[in-house]
């Protein structure tokens, strides 16, 4: 099998009701759809999400179209590790992280979709599945303006949908406001309902420790992104003082950055992102490093591609997701939840084909 061509399509859906975390407002709603074509008629698909940077889709599109397409054309898509190395060499002059890695990840994810389709089975089975479904939590605990009622109702709706855990944003206001947000969900969903918190890198080390102790007393399951990702030594000191796991990784690029923070002892739950980490190939290496170090792994972000990867990872414990009512509006094959877990899509490949009506509706040609 040979790669014959690459196509990238910008999809931009208007955001009518932007949500916020401690530092950012997500008001774009854009995706870059990457398709890789082969001489056997099999097409690989990958989807890269951008919630903030309006030029993000176009920037990654240019790297794929003008740099990576020629690197991979004519190659066998099964040679994923060779292709990964070729893409690293092609882009290293202007960065082995950042948007270059977004582009590499998109290509890698699409290649693994091809491999699953060529084998006629879900990609998880090609990778060597550990399970047939992955526990999922709802990332619905955003800041909805000043409306606490909306915040509570979104979490309540997630529980009614079947989620057995929710993640709440913290750090935009005072510690007392964080405490009230957590207590409001416990009052609504019960003290035993699992809650994670995410500060989106808002704190310095001293404030992260002060708030971490408070979250710990409230039974929070993990404390995500308390500090800026480059503050490795602060992460180490923070994790050493907290009983609660520190969860980081959505802003780390490649197995090398994960290795650095894991080796230093700054994390107990690693969270690869399917855009920044580097794609399925890189995820599997990150998983091996983290499992050997005794860490658990959860995804940043969701979708059927992440379901396939997580179901093939020994130490995976959770996938992040929006409400499936929202997440499924673009896929040809909707994701299915049972007992708080998302099932591997019952189709060859990743199961991440995008509905053609969705593409026609939101395609932006530029």
Foldseek 3Di string as FASTA:
>chain_A
DFWAFKDKFKFWDADPFWFAFQPDIFGTFIKIWMWIADPVGFIFIFIGTDRHDNCLNVVLRCCCVPFLGVQRGGHDLVPLVVSLVSLCVRPPVPHSFDSSLLNLLRSQQRSLLRVQVVVWFESLVVLPFPAFWAFAEAAQQTHRDPDLVSNLVQNVVLVVLQAQEYEHHDNNDDLVVVVVSLVSNCVVPNLPRAYAYEDQARDDLVVLLVSLVVVVVSVHQAYENPHDLVPLVSLQVSCVPHPHWYEYACRDEFLVSLLVSLVSRRGQEYEHESRGPRHLVRVQVNLVSNVVSNHAYEYDADDLSVGSSLSNRDRYHYYYDHPQVVVQPFFPQGWDDDNSITGRGGTGGSSRHTDPVSCVVGTDDD
